[in-house]
Amino acid sequence: MKKSLLFILFIILCLGLKAQKDTVSFAPGTAGKGTLAEASTASLRIYPVPVRENFFNINSDKPISALKVTNIIGQDIFKVKYNNPEKIVRIILDNPKRGMYLVTISLEDGARIVKKIMIEQAE
């Protein structure tokens, strides 16, 4: 009896857990400016990972119009808006602390992508 209950509980937990997605997209036609539309179609690369210095690079196949780096408690530590959207960007942070950060990338077409980065101390 206990084994069957444990097995059922295990199955319920496994079905309830899902992998976290870095991007979300809405159905075509429902997206407006500033939404996450077409985020899954943009090819985006952040390097080096983990970040060990005070900078990292972002390479995108679509032009980047704005960028924001936020710490895990929601404080903005870096913000930039590009008048001429760029596909390759270098972000230089002022004395970053070790930890997990969220990078919100706004593309020229209005789509937004959120990626996680880890910053470690330089060796």
PDB file of N, CA and C in Angstrom:
ATOM      1  N   MET A   1       0.826  -1.197   0.000  1.00  0.00           N
ATOM      2  CA  MET A   1       0.000   0.000   0.000  1.00  0.00           C
ATOM      3  C   MET A   1       0.869   1.259   0.000  1.00  0.00           C
ATOM      4  N   LYS A   2       1.887   1.281   0.876  1.00  0.00           N
ATOM      5  CA  LYS A   2       2.763   2.447   0.954  1.00  0.00           C
ATOM      6  C   LYS A   2       3.547   2.633  -0.343  1.00  0.00           C
ATOM      7  N   LYS A   3       4.006   1.508  -0.923  1.00  0.00           N
ATOM      8  CA  LYS A   3       4.767   1.595  -2.154  1.00  0.00           C
ATOM      9  C   LYS A   3       3.920   2.144  -3.291  1.00  0.00           C
ATOM     10  N   SER A   4       2.668   1.732  -3.368  1.00  0.00           N
ATOM     11  CA  SER A   4       1.807   2.224  -4.445  1.00  0.00           C
ATOM     12  C   SER A   4       1.487   3.705  -4.256  1.00  0.00           C
ATOM     13  N   LEU A   5       1.297   4.142  -3.009  1.00  0.00           N
ATOM     14  CA  LEU A   5       1.055   5.559  -2.747  1.00  0.00           C
ATOM     15  C   LEU A   5       2.290   6.393  -3.089  1.00  0.00           C
ATOM     16  N   LEU A   6       3.458   5.885  -2.722  1.00  0.00           N
ATOM     17  CA  LEU A   6       4.690   6.590  -3.063  1.00  0.00           C
ATOM     18  C   LEU A   6       4.881   6.658  -4.576  1.00  0.00           C
ATOM     19  N   PHE A   7       4.575   5.596  -5.264  1.00  0.00           N
ATOM     20  CA  PHE A   7       4.688   5.569  -6.718  1.00  0.00           C
ATOM     21  C   PHE A   7       3.739   6.583  -7.351  1.00  0.00           C
ATOM     22  N   ILE A   8       2.496   6.630  -6.880  1.00  0.00           N
ATOM     23  CA  ILE A   8       1.511   7.588  -7.411  1.00  0.00           C
ATOM     24  C   ILE A   8       1.967   9.014  -7.126  1.00  0.00           C
ATOM     25  N   LEU A   9       2.473   9.263  -5.921  1.00  0.00           N
ATOM     26  CA  LEU A   9       2.974  10.591  -5.569  1.00  0.00           C
ATOM     27  C   LEU A   9       4.148  10.976  -6.461  1.00  0.00           C
ATOM     28  N   PHE A  10       5.035  10.036  -6.718  1.00  0.00           N
ATOM     29  CA  PHE A  10       6.168  10.269  -7.597  1.00  0.00           C
ATOM     30  C   PHE A  10       5.703  10.639  -9.002  1.00  0.00           C
ATOM     31  N   ILE A  11       4.725   9.931  -9.541  1.00  0.00           N
ATOM     32  CA  ILE A  11       4.189  10.211 -10.877  1.00  0.00           C
ATOM     33  C   ILE A  11       3.560  11.597 -10.919  1.00  0.00           C
ATOM     34  N   ILE A  12       2.812  11.949  -9.899  1.00  0.00           N
ATOM     35  CA  ILE A  12       2.159  13.271  -9.864  1.00  0.00           C
ATOM     36  C   ILE A  12       3.209  14.381  -9.836  1.00  0.00           C
ATOM     37  N   LEU A  13       4.252  14.198  -9.024  1.00  0.00           N
ATOM     38  CA  LEU A  13       5.309  15.204  -8.956  1.00  0.00           C
ATOM     39  C   LEU A  13       6.052  15.324 -10.282  1.00  0.00           C
ATOM     40  N   CYS A  14       6.319  14.208 -10.915  1.00  0.00           N
ATOM     41  CA  CYS A  14       7.029  14.238 -12.198  1.00  0.00           C
ATOM     42  C   CYS A  14       6.205  14.927 -13.271  1.00  0.00           C
ATOM     43  N   LEU A  15       4.914  14.691 -13.278  1.00  0.00           N
ATOM     44  CA  LEU A  15       4.058  15.327 -14.279  1.00  0.00           C
ATOM     45  C   LEU A  15       3.875  16.808 -13.994  1.00  0.00           C
ATOM     46  N   GLY A  16       3.956  17.178 -12.721  1.00  0.00           N
ATOM     47  CA  GLY A  16       3.756  18.574 -12.342  1.00  0.00           C
ATOM     48  C   GLY A  16       4.960  19.450 -12.604  1.00  0.00           C
ATOM     49  N   LEU A  17       6.152  18.853 -12.645  1.00  0.00           N
ATOM     50  CA  LEU A  17       7.363  19.628 -12.881  1.00  0.00           C
ATOM     51  C   LEU A  17       7.608  19.775 -14.370  1.00  0.00           C
ATOM     52  N   LYS A  18       7.842  20.986 -14.795  1.00  0.00           N
ATOM     53  CA  LYS A  18       8.135  21.260 -16.195  1.00  0.00           C
ATOM     54  C   LYS A  18       9.398  22.090 -16.270  1.00  0.00           C
ATOM     55  N   ALA A  19      10.121  21.973 -17.351  1.00  0.00           N
ATOM     56  CA  ALA A  19      11.341  22.755 -17.537  1.00  0.00           C
ATOM     57  C   ALA A  19      10.996  24.215 -17.763  1.00  0.00           C
ATOM     58  N   GLN A  20      11.798  25.101 -17.211  1.00  0.00           N
ATOM     59  CA  GLN A  20      11.592  26.528 -17.386  1.00  0.00           C
ATOM     60  C   GLN A  20      12.050  26.944 -18.771  1.00  0.00           C
ATOM     61  N   LYS A  21      11.239  27.780 -19.421  1.00  0.00           N
ATOM     62  CA  LYS A  21      11.599  28.282 -20.737  1.00  0.00           C
ATOM     63  C   LYS A  21      12.193  29.677 -20.597  1.00  0.00           C
ATOM     64  N   ASP A  22      13.184  29.981 -21.426  1.00  0.00           N
ATOM     65  CA  ASP A  22      13.790  31.305 -21.414  1.00  0.00           C
ATOM     66  C   ASP A  22      12.991  32.309 -22.223  1.00  0.00           C
ATOM     67  N   THR A  23      12.191  31.819 -23.162  1.00  0.00           N
ATOM     68  CA  THR A  23      11.427  32.717 -24.005  1.00  0.00           C
ATOM     69  C   THR A  23       9.975  32.275 -24.053  1.00  0.00           C
ATOM     70  N   VAL A  24       9.117  33.222 -24.328  1.00  0.00           N
ATOM     71  CA  VAL A  24       7.687  32.957 -24.445  1.00  0.00           C
ATOM     72  C   VAL A  24       7.201  33.659 -25.692  1.00  0.00           C
ATOM     73  N   SER A  25       6.290  33.055 -26.418  1.00  0.00           N
ATOM     74  CA  SER A  25       5.739  33.731 -27.587  1.00  0.00           C
ATOM     75  C   SER A  25       4.224  33.601 -27.577  1.00  0.00           C
ATOM     76  N   PHE A  26       3.570  34.609 -28.108  1.00  0.00           N
ATOM     77  CA  PHE A  26       2.120  34.631 -28.208  1.00  0.00           C
ATOM     78  C   PHE A  26       1.695  34.205 -29.602  1.00  0.00           C
ATOM     79  N   ALA A  27       0.408  33.897 -29.724  1.00  0.00           N
ATOM     80  CA  ALA A  27      -0.123  33.512 -31.030  1.00  0.00           C
ATOM     81  C   ALA A  27      -0.021  34.694 -31.986  1.00  0.00           C
ATOM     82  N   PRO A  28       0.203  34.447 -33.288  1.00  0.00           N
ATOM     83  CA  PRO A  28       0.312  35.536 -34.257  1.00  0.00           C
ATOM     84  C   PRO A  28      -0.946  36.414 -34.250  1.00  0.00           C
ATOM     85  N   GLY A  29      -0.718  37.701 -34.387  1.00  0.00           N
ATOM     86  CA  GLY A  29      -1.842  38.634 -34.452  1.00  0.00           C
ATOM     87  C   GLY A  29      -2.214  39.218 -33.103  1.00  0.00           C
ATOM     88  N   THR A  30      -1.784  38.598 -31.993  1.00  0.00           N
ATOM     89  CA  THR A  30      -2.131  39.128 -30.682  1.00  0.00           C
ATOM     90  C   THR A  30      -1.013  39.960 -30.088  1.00  0.00           C
ATOM     91  N   ALA A  31       0.104  40.000 -30.761  1.00  0.00           N
ATOM     92  CA  ALA A  31       1.268  40.687 -30.202  1.00  0.00           C
ATOM     93  C   ALA A  31       1.267  42.163 -30.571  1.00  0.00           C
ATOM     94  N   GLY A  32       1.613  42.974 -29.602  1.00  0.00           N
ATOM     95  CA  GLY A  32       1.766  44.400 -29.833  1.00  0.00           C
ATOM     96  C   GLY A  32       3.178  44.800 -29.495  1.00  0.00           C
ATOM     97  N   LYS A  33       3.445  46.088 -29.517  1.00  0.00           N
ATOM     98  CA  LYS A  33       4.785  46.580 -29.207  1.00  0.00           C
ATOM     99  C   LYS A  33       5.134  46.244 -27.761  1.00  0.00           C
ATOM    100  N   GLY A  34       6.323  45.741 -27.540  1.00  0.00           N
ATOM    101  CA  GLY A  34       6.773  45.438 -26.195  1.00  0.00           C
ATOM    102  C   GLY A  34       6.376  44.060 -25.704  1.00  0.00           C
ATOM    103  N   THR A  35       5.744  43.252 -26.501  1.00  0.00           N
ATOM    104  CA  THR A  35       5.383  41.908 -26.061  1.00  0.00           C
ATOM    105  C   THR A  35       6.485  40.933 -26.416  1.00  0.00           C
ATOM    106  N   LEU A  36       6.285  39.683 -26.076  1.00  0.00           N
ATOM    107  CA  LEU A  36       7.292  38.671 -26.312  1.00  0.00           C
ATOM    108  C   LEU A  36       7.061  37.928 -27.619  1.00  0.00           C
ATOM    109  N   ALA A  37       6.446  38.553 -28.568  1.00  0.00           N
ATOM    110  CA  ALA A  37       6.136  37.901 -29.841  1.00  0.00           C
ATOM    111  C   ALA A  37       7.400  37.581 -30.604  1.00  0.00           C
ATOM    112  N   GLU A  38       7.415  36.474 -31.269  1.00  0.00           N
ATOM    113  CA  GLU A  38       8.497  36.032 -32.131  1.00  0.00           C
ATOM    114  C   GLU A  38       9.824  35.890 -31.397  1.00  0.00           C
ATOM    115  N   ALA A  39       9.799  35.834 -30.081  1.00  0.00           N
ATOM    116  CA  ALA A  39      11.044  35.701 -29.336  1.00  0.00           C
ATOM    117  C   ALA A  39      11.709  34.366 -29.610  1.00  0.00           C
ATOM    118  N   SER A  40      10.912  33.355 -29.855  1.00  0.00           N
ATOM    119  CA  SER A  40      11.497  32.037 -30.065  1.00  0.00           C
ATOM    120  C   SER A  40      12.173  31.920 -31.429  1.00  0.00           C
ATOM    121  N   THR A  41      11.899  32.849 -32.368  1.00  0.00           N
ATOM    122  CA  THR A  41      12.511  32.774 -33.681  1.00  0.00           C
ATOM    123  C   THR A  41      13.834  33.533 -33.747  1.00  0.00           C
ATOM    124  N   ALA A  42      14.129  34.339 -32.740  1.00  0.00           N
ATOM    125  CA  ALA A  42      15.378  35.104 -32.732  1.00  0.00           C
ATOM    126  C   ALA A  42      16.509  34.226 -32.219  1.00  0.00           C
ATOM    127  N   SER A  43      17.614  34.254 -32.941  1.00  0.00           N
ATOM    128  CA  SER A  43      18.802  33.523 -32.511  1.00  0.00           C
ATOM    129  C   SER A  43      19.661  34.486 -31.714  1.00  0.00           C
ATOM    130  N   LEU A  44      19.938  34.131 -30.467  1.00  0.00           N
ATOM    131  CA  LEU A  44      20.634  35.029 -29.558  1.00  0.00           C
ATOM    132  C   LEU A  44      21.723  34.243 -28.834  1.00  0.00           C
ATOM    133  N   ARG A  45      22.897  34.863 -28.693  1.00  0.00           N
ATOM    134  CA  ARG A  45      24.004  34.197 -28.014  1.00  0.00           C
ATOM    135  C   ARG A  45      24.663  35.177 -27.058  1.00  0.00           C
ATOM    136  N   ILE A  46      24.812  34.762 -25.811  1.00  0.00           N
ATOM    137  CA  ILE A  46      25.507  35.567 -24.800  1.00  0.00           C
ATOM    138  C   ILE A  46      26.788  34.832 -24.439  1.00  0.00           C
ATOM    139  N   TYR A  47      27.910  35.532 -24.464  1.00  0.00           N
ATOM    140  CA  TYR A  47      29.196  34.915 -24.151  1.00  0.00           C
ATOM    141  C   TYR A  47      30.136  35.943 -23.558  1.00  0.00           C
ATOM    142  N   PRO A  48      31.107  35.608 -22.763  1.00  0.00           N
ATOM    143  CA  PRO A  48      31.388  34.289 -22.205  1.00  0.00           C
ATOM    144  C   PRO A  48      30.441  33.977 -21.058  1.00  0.00           C
ATOM    145  N   VAL A  49      30.151  32.709 -20.881  1.00  0.00           N
ATOM    146  CA  VAL A  49      29.296  32.258 -19.793  1.00  0.00           C
ATOM    147  C   VAL A  49      30.059  31.202 -19.031  1.00  0.00           C
ATOM    148  N   PRO A  50      30.228  31.271 -17.750  1.00  0.00           N
ATOM    149  CA  PRO A  50      29.811  32.384 -16.892  1.00  0.00           C
ATOM    150  C   PRO A  50      30.701  33.606 -17.110  1.00  0.00           C
ATOM    151  N   VAL A  51      30.163  34.763 -16.798  1.00  0.00           N
ATOM    152  CA  VAL A  51      30.896  36.027 -16.935  1.00  0.00           C
ATOM    153  C   VAL A  51      31.905  36.098 -15.781  1.00  0.00           C
ATOM    154  N   ARG A  52      33.186  36.249 -16.105  1.00  0.00           N
ATOM    155  CA  ARG A  52      34.222  36.294 -15.071  1.00  0.00           C
ATOM    156  C   ARG A  52      34.902  37.656 -14.975  1.00  0.00           C
ATOM    157  N   GLU A  53      34.684  38.495 -15.933  1.00  0.00           N
ATOM    158  CA  GLU A  53      35.248  39.846 -15.916  1.00  0.00           C
ATOM    159  C   GLU A  53      34.089  40.820 -15.694  1.00  0.00           C
ATOM    160  N   ASN A  54      34.240  42.063 -16.112  1.00  0.00           N
ATOM    161  CA  ASN A  54      33.169  43.039 -15.959  1.00  0.00           C
ATOM    162  C   ASN A  54      32.409  43.271 -17.261  1.00  0.00           C
ATOM    163  N   PHE A  55      32.551  42.355 -18.237  1.00  0.00           N
ATOM    164  CA  PHE A  55      31.856  42.538 -19.506  1.00  0.00           C
ATOM    165  C   PHE A  55      31.382  41.194 -20.052  1.00  0.00           C
ATOM    166  N   PHE A  56      30.389  41.284 -20.957  1.00  0.00           N
ATOM    167  CA  PHE A  56      29.950  40.140 -21.742  1.00  0.00           C
ATOM    168  C   PHE A  56      29.424  40.651 -23.070  1.00  0.00           C
ATOM    169  N   ASN A  57      29.310  39.752 -24.043  1.00  0.00           N
ATOM    170  CA  ASN A  57      28.877  40.114 -25.390  1.00  0.00           C
ATOM    171  C   ASN A  57      27.540  39.453 -25.708  1.00  0.00           C
ATOM    172  N   ILE A  58      26.769  40.124 -26.541  1.00  0.00           N
ATOM    173  CA  ILE A  58      25.506  39.566 -27.033  1.00  0.00           C
ATOM    174  C   ILE A  58      25.539  39.646 -28.547  1.00  0.00           C
ATOM    175  N   ASN A  59      25.248  38.528 -29.185  1.00  0.00           N
ATOM    176  CA  ASN A  59      25.211  38.439 -30.640  1.00  0.00           C
ATOM    177  C   ASN A  59      23.816  37.971 -31.032  1.00  0.00           C
ATOM    178  N   SER A  60      23.124  38.741 -31.861  1.00  0.00           N
ATOM    179  CA  SER A  60      21.756  38.429 -32.254  1.00  0.00           C
ATOM    180  C   SER A  60      21.614  38.494 -33.768  1.00  0.00           C
ATOM    181  N   ASP A  61      20.696  37.686 -34.310  1.00  0.00           N
ATOM    182  CA  ASP A  61      20.440  37.767 -35.745  1.00  0.00           C
ATOM    183  C   ASP A  61      19.451  38.881 -36.072  1.00  0.00           C
ATOM    184  N   LYS A  62      18.776  39.428 -35.049  1.00  0.00           N
ATOM    185  CA  LYS A  62      17.872  40.573 -35.229  1.00  0.00           C
ATOM    186  C   LYS A  62      18.438  41.760 -34.459  1.00  0.00           C
ATOM    187  N   PRO A  63      18.226  42.980 -34.942  1.00  0.00           N
ATOM    188  CA  PRO A  63      18.777  44.172 -34.272  1.00  0.00           C
ATOM    189  C   PRO A  63      18.228  44.359 -32.853  1.00  0.00           C
ATOM    190  N   ILE A  64      19.113  44.690 -31.932  1.00  0.00           N
ATOM    191  CA  ILE A  64      18.762  44.934 -30.528  1.00  0.00           C
ATOM    192  C   ILE A  64      18.545  46.427 -30.346  1.00  0.00           C
ATOM    193  N   SER A  65      17.354  46.811 -29.819  1.00  0.00           N
ATOM    194  CA  SER A  65      17.053  48.226 -29.638  1.00  0.00           C
ATOM    195  C   SER A  65      17.256  48.695 -28.197  1.00  0.00           C
ATOM    196  N   ALA A  66      17.129  47.795 -27.231  1.00  0.00           N
ATOM    197  CA  ALA A  66      17.331  48.161 -25.825  1.00  0.00           C
ATOM    198  C   ALA A  66      17.766  46.925 -25.049  1.00  0.00           C
ATOM    199  N   LEU A  67      18.390  47.189 -23.911  1.00  0.00           N
ATOM    200  CA  LEU A  67      18.911  46.092 -23.107  1.00  0.00           C
ATOM    201  C   LEU A  67      18.893  46.494 -21.646  1.00  0.00           C
ATOM    202  N   LYS A  68      18.588  45.530 -20.772  1.00  0.00           N
ATOM    203  CA  LYS A  68      18.551  45.804 -19.339  1.00  0.00           C
ATOM    204  C   LYS A  68      19.106  44.593 -18.594  1.00  0.00           C
ATOM    205  N   VAL A  69      19.966  44.840 -17.594  1.00  0.00           N
ATOM    206  CA  VAL A  69      20.490  43.783 -16.744  1.00  0.00           C
ATOM    207  C   VAL A  69      19.935  44.029 -15.346  1.00  0.00           C
ATOM    208  N   THR A  70      19.300  42.993 -14.789  1.00  0.00           N
ATOM    209  CA  THR A  70      18.635  43.095 -13.498  1.00  0.00           C
ATOM    210  C   THR A  70      19.179  42.024 -12.567  1.00  0.00           C
ATOM    211  N   ASN A  71      19.402  42.389 -11.302  1.00  0.00           N
ATOM    212  CA  ASN A  71      19.833  41.353 -10.360  1.00  0.00           C
ATOM    213  C   ASN A  71      18.626  40.518  -9.953  1.00  0.00           C
ATOM    214  N   ILE A  72      18.853  39.488  -9.191  1.00  0.00           N
ATOM    215  CA  ILE A  72      17.816  38.509  -8.903  1.00  0.00           C
ATOM    216  C   ILE A  72      16.697  39.068  -8.016  1.00  0.00           C
ATOM    217  N   ILE A  73      16.942  40.192  -7.338  1.00  0.00           N
ATOM    218  CA  ILE A  73      15.881  40.788  -6.529  1.00  0.00           C
ATOM    219  C   ILE A  73      15.165  41.927  -7.266  1.00  0.00           C
ATOM    220  N   GLY A  74      15.480  42.113  -8.535  1.00  0.00           N
ATOM    221  CA  GLY A  74      14.729  43.056  -9.360  1.00  0.00           C
ATOM    222  C   GLY A  74      15.330  44.434  -9.530  1.00  0.00           C
ATOM    223  N   GLN A  75      16.521  44.670  -9.014  1.00  0.00           N
ATOM    224  CA  GLN A  75      17.151  45.980  -9.162  1.00  0.00           C
ATOM    225  C   GLN A  75      17.874  46.053 -10.499  1.00  0.00           C
ATOM    226  N   ASP A  76      17.626  47.130 -11.254  1.00  0.00           N
ATOM    227  CA  ASP A  76      18.325  47.345 -12.522  1.00  0.00           C
ATOM    228  C   ASP A  76      19.754  47.771 -12.222  1.00  0.00           C
ATOM    229  N   ILE A  77      20.724  47.037 -12.780  1.00  0.00           N
ATOM    230  CA  ILE A  77      22.117  47.428 -12.581  1.00  0.00           C
ATOM    231  C   ILE A  77      22.713  48.005 -13.857  1.00  0.00           C
ATOM    232  N   PHE A  78      22.024  47.823 -14.992  1.00  0.00           N
ATOM    233  CA  PHE A  78      22.506  48.361 -16.262  1.00  0.00           C
ATOM    234  C   PHE A  78      21.316  48.510 -17.201  1.00  0.00           C
ATOM    235  N   LYS A  79      21.257  49.648 -17.904  1.00  0.00           N
ATOM    236  CA  LYS A  79      20.194  49.909 -18.879  1.00  0.00           C
ATOM    237  C   LYS A  79      20.782  50.681 -20.041  1.00  0.00           C
ATOM    238  N   VAL A  80      20.383  50.318 -21.258  1.00  0.00           N
ATOM    239  CA  VAL A  80      20.823  51.070 -22.423  1.00  0.00           C
ATOM    240  C   VAL A  80      19.746  50.965 -23.502  1.00  0.00           C
ATOM    241  N   LYS A  81      19.577  52.077 -24.235  1.00  0.00           N
ATOM    242  CA  LYS A  81      18.656  52.101 -25.369  1.00  0.00           C
ATOM    243  C   LYS A  81      19.455  52.579 -26.577  1.00  0.00           C
ATOM    244  N   TYR A  82      19.380  51.829 -27.664  1.00  0.00           N
ATOM    245  CA  TYR A  82      20.151  52.152 -28.858  1.00  0.00           C
ATOM    246  C   TYR A  82      19.291  52.915 -29.862  1.00  0.00           C
ATOM    247  N   ASN A  83      19.772  54.095 -30.302  1.00  0.00           N
ATOM    248  CA  ASN A  83      19.061  54.855 -31.336  1.00  0.00           C
ATOM    249  C   ASN A  83      19.191  54.154 -32.680  1.00  0.00           C
ATOM    250  N   ASN A  84      20.351  53.571 -32.938  1.00  0.00           N
ATOM    251  CA  ASN A  84      20.586  52.761 -34.129  1.00  0.00           C
ATOM    252  C   ASN A  84      20.756  51.319 -33.658  1.00  0.00           C
ATOM    253  N   PRO A  85      19.699  50.497 -33.747  1.00  0.00           N
ATOM    254  CA  PRO A  85      19.771  49.119 -33.242  1.00  0.00           C
ATOM    255  C   PRO A  85      20.972  48.358 -33.808  1.00  0.00           C
ATOM    256  N   GLU A  86      21.585  47.547 -32.951  1.00  0.00           N
ATOM    257  CA  GLU A  86      22.790  46.813 -33.304  1.00  0.00           C
ATOM    258  C   GLU A  86      22.580  45.312 -33.125  1.00  0.00           C
ATOM    259  N   LYS A  87      23.327  44.509 -33.883  1.00  0.00           N
ATOM    260  CA  LYS A  87      23.224  43.055 -33.787  1.00  0.00           C
ATOM    261  C   LYS A  87      24.283  42.456 -32.858  1.00  0.00           C
ATOM    262  N   ILE A  88      25.381  43.161 -32.649  1.00  0.00           N
ATOM    263  CA  ILE A  88      26.438  42.709 -31.754  1.00  0.00           C
ATOM    264  C   ILE A  88      26.681  43.814 -30.727  1.00  0.00           C
ATOM    265  N   VAL A  89      26.594  43.466 -29.443  1.00  0.00           N
ATOM    266  CA  VAL A  89      26.735  44.457 -28.387  1.00  0.00           C
ATOM    267  C   VAL A  89      27.699  43.941 -27.319  1.00  0.00           C
ATOM    268  N   ARG A  90      28.494  44.833 -26.758  1.00  0.00           N
ATOM    269  CA  ARG A  90      29.343  44.498 -25.618  1.00  0.00           C
ATOM    270  C   ARG A  90      28.829  45.301 -24.428  1.00  0.00           C
ATOM    271  N   ILE A  91      28.506  44.582 -23.359  1.00  0.00           N
ATOM    272  CA  ILE A  91      27.994  45.206 -22.139  1.00  0.00           C
ATOM    273  C   ILE A  91      29.127  45.237 -21.121  1.00  0.00           C
ATOM    274  N   ILE A  92      29.439  46.438 -20.620  1.00  0.00           N
ATOM    275  CA  ILE A  92      30.477  46.600 -19.610  1.00  0.00           C
ATOM    276  C   ILE A  92      29.794  47.031 -18.315  1.00  0.00           C
ATOM    277  N   LEU A  93      29.884  46.190 -17.299  1.00  0.00           N
ATOM    278  CA  LEU A  93      29.250  46.452 -16.010  1.00  0.00           C
ATOM    279  C   LEU A  93      30.254  47.088 -15.058  1.00  0.00           C
ATOM    280  N   ASP A  94      29.766  47.961 -14.199  1.00  0.00           N
ATOM    281  CA  ASP A  94      30.613  48.650 -13.237  1.00  0.00           C
ATOM    282  C   ASP A  94      30.692  47.828 -11.954  1.00  0.00           C
ATOM    283  N   ASN A  95      31.809  47.138 -11.750  1.00  0.00           N
ATOM    284  CA  ASN A  95      32.074  46.351 -10.555  1.00  0.00           C
ATOM    285  C   ASN A  95      30.917  45.394 -10.214  1.00  0.00           C
ATOM    286  N   PRO A  96      30.640  44.415 -11.074  1.00  0.00           N
ATOM    287  CA  PRO A  96      29.518  43.512 -10.805  1.00  0.00           C
ATOM    288  C   PRO A  96      29.817  42.556  -9.651  1.00  0.00           C
ATOM    289  N   LYS A  97      28.798  42.241  -8.885  1.00  0.00           N
ATOM    290  CA  LYS A  97      28.914  41.296  -7.782  1.00  0.00           C
ATOM    291  C   LYS A  97      28.652  39.885  -8.306  1.00  0.00           C
ATOM    292  N   ARG A  98      29.167  38.908  -7.625  1.00  0.00           N
ATOM    293  CA  ARG A  98      28.964  37.502  -7.983  1.00  0.00           C
ATOM    294  C   ARG A  98      27.491  37.154  -7.786  1.00  0.00           C
ATOM    295  N   GLY A  99      26.893  36.438  -8.755  1.00  0.00           N
ATOM    296  CA  GLY A  99      25.509  36.008  -8.602  1.00  0.00           C
ATOM    297  C   GLY A  99      24.805  35.803  -9.927  1.00  0.00           C
ATOM    298  N   MET A 100      23.495  35.585  -9.844  1.00  0.00           N
ATOM    299  CA  MET A 100      22.645  35.338 -11.001  1.00  0.00           C
ATOM    300  C   MET A 100      21.968  36.650 -11.407  1.00  0.00           C
ATOM    301  N   TYR A 101      21.927  36.892 -12.725  1.00  0.00           N
ATOM    302  CA  TYR A 101      21.329  38.112 -13.266  1.00  0.00           C
ATOM    303  C   TYR A 101      20.416  37.769 -14.433  1.00  0.00           C
ATOM    304  N   LEU A 102      19.436  38.628 -14.685  1.00  0.00           N
ATOM    305  CA  LEU A 102      18.543  38.485 -15.822  1.00  0.00           C
ATOM    306  C   LEU A 102      18.863  39.570 -16.837  1.00  0.00           C
ATOM    307  N   VAL A 103      19.008  39.172 -18.091  1.00  0.00           N
ATOM    308  CA  VAL A 103      19.280  40.117 -19.166  1.00  0.00           C
ATOM    309  C   VAL A 103      18.026  40.172 -20.031  1.00  0.00           C
ATOM    310  N   THR A 104      17.382  41.342 -20.085  1.00  0.00           N
ATOM    311  CA  THR A 104      16.191  41.539 -20.905  1.00  0.00           C
ATOM    312  C   THR A 104      16.606  42.271 -22.168  1.00  0.00           C
ATOM    313  N   ILE A 105      16.392  41.619 -23.314  1.00  0.00           N
ATOM    314  CA  ILE A 105      16.800  42.161 -24.597  1.00  0.00           C
ATOM    315  C   ILE A 105      15.553  42.518 -25.391  1.00  0.00           C
ATOM    316  N   SER A 106      15.420  43.793 -25.772  1.00  0.00           N
ATOM    317  CA  SER A 106      14.310  44.248 -26.605  1.00  0.00           C
ATOM    318  C   SER A 106      14.795  44.345 -28.036  1.00  0.00           C
ATOM    319  N   LEU A 107      14.126  43.648 -28.922  1.00  0.00           N
ATOM    320  CA  LEU A 107      14.508  43.664 -30.327  1.00  0.00           C
ATOM    321  C   LEU A 107      13.794  44.782 -31.063  1.00  0.00           C
ATOM    322  N   GLU A 108      14.290  45.101 -32.244  1.00  0.00           N
ATOM    323  CA  GLU A 108      13.745  46.203 -33.034  1.00  0.00           C
ATOM    324  C   GLU A 108      12.276  45.974 -33.410  1.00  0.00           C
ATOM    325  N   ASP A 109      11.879  44.703 -33.594  1.00  0.00           N
ATOM    326  CA  ASP A 109      10.507  44.406 -33.996  1.00  0.00           C
ATOM    327  C   ASP A 109       9.530  44.380 -32.820  1.00  0.00           C
ATOM    328  N   GLY A 110       9.994  44.728 -31.598  1.00  0.00           N
ATOM    329  CA  GLY A 110       9.115  44.782 -30.442  1.00  0.00           C
ATOM    330  C   GLY A 110       9.169  43.542 -29.570  1.00  0.00           C
ATOM    331  N   ALA A 111       9.816  42.497 -30.018  1.00  0.00           N
ATOM    332  CA  ALA A 111       9.919  41.269 -29.228  1.00  0.00           C
ATOM    333  C   ALA A 111      10.919  41.479 -28.095  1.00  0.00           C
ATOM    334  N   ARG A 112      10.703  40.755 -26.985  1.00  0.00           N
ATOM    335  CA  ARG A 112      11.624  40.793 -25.848  1.00  0.00           C
ATOM    336  C   ARG A 112      12.059  39.382 -25.500  1.00  0.00           C
ATOM    337  N   ILE A 113      13.322  39.245 -25.141  1.00  0.00           N
ATOM    338  CA  ILE A 113      13.879  37.957 -24.738  1.00  0.00           C
ATOM    339  C   ILE A 113      14.564  38.153 -23.393  1.00  0.00           C
ATOM    340  N   VAL A 114      14.325  37.239 -22.469  1.00  0.00           N
ATOM    341  CA  VAL A 114      14.958  37.297 -21.160  1.00  0.00           C
ATOM    342  C   VAL A 114      15.862  36.076 -21.024  1.00  0.00           C
ATOM    343  N   LYS A 115      17.135  36.327 -20.715  1.00  0.00           N
ATOM    344  CA  LYS A 115      18.124  35.263 -20.533  1.00  0.00           C
ATOM    345  C   LYS A 115      18.758  35.404 -19.157  1.00  0.00           C
ATOM    346  N   LYS A 116      19.189  34.286 -18.600  1.00  0.00           N
ATOM    347  CA  LYS A 116      19.875  34.288 -17.307  1.00  0.00           C
ATOM    348  C   LYS A 116      21.380  34.197 -17.555  1.00  0.00           C
ATOM    349  N   ILE A 117      22.129  34.954 -16.755  1.00  0.00           N
ATOM    350  CA  ILE A 117      23.583  34.837 -16.799  1.00  0.00           C
ATOM    351  C   ILE A 117      24.098  34.694 -15.367  1.00  0.00           C
ATOM    352  N   MET A 118      25.254  34.094 -15.245  1.00  0.00           N
ATOM    353  CA  MET A 118      25.923  33.935 -13.953  1.00  0.00           C
ATOM    354  C   MET A 118      27.206  34.739 -13.998  1.00  0.00           C
ATOM    355  N   ILE A 119      27.404  35.569 -12.984  1.00  0.00           N
ATOM    356  CA  ILE A 119      28.636  36.353 -12.887  1.00  0.00           C
ATOM    357  C   ILE A 119      29.457  35.769 -11.743  1.00  0.00           C
ATOM    358  N   GLU A 120      30.719  35.451 -12.045  1.00  0.00           N
ATOM    359  CA  GLU A 120      31.645  34.928 -11.042  1.00  0.00           C
ATOM    360  C   GLU A 120      32.807  35.897 -10.911  1.00  0.00           C
ATOM    361  N   GLN A 121      33.513  35.804  -9.808  1.00  0.00           N
ATOM    362  CA  GLN A 121      34.670  36.660  -9.585  1.00  0.00           C
ATOM    363  C   GLN A 121      35.823  36.204 -10.474  1.00  0.00           C
ATOM    364  N   ALA A 122      36.575  37.155 -10.992  1.00  0.00           N
ATOM    365  CA  ALA A 122      37.743  36.834 -11.817  1.00  0.00           C
ATOM    366  C   ALA A 122      38.790  36.132 -10.965  1.00  0.00           C
ATOM    367  N   GLU A 123      39.462  35.171 -11.561  1.00  0.00           N
ATOM    368  CA  GLU A 123      40.479  34.403 -10.817  1.00  0.00           C
ATOM    369  C   GLU A 123      41.833  35.029 -10.939  1.00  0.00           C
TER     370      GLU A 123
END
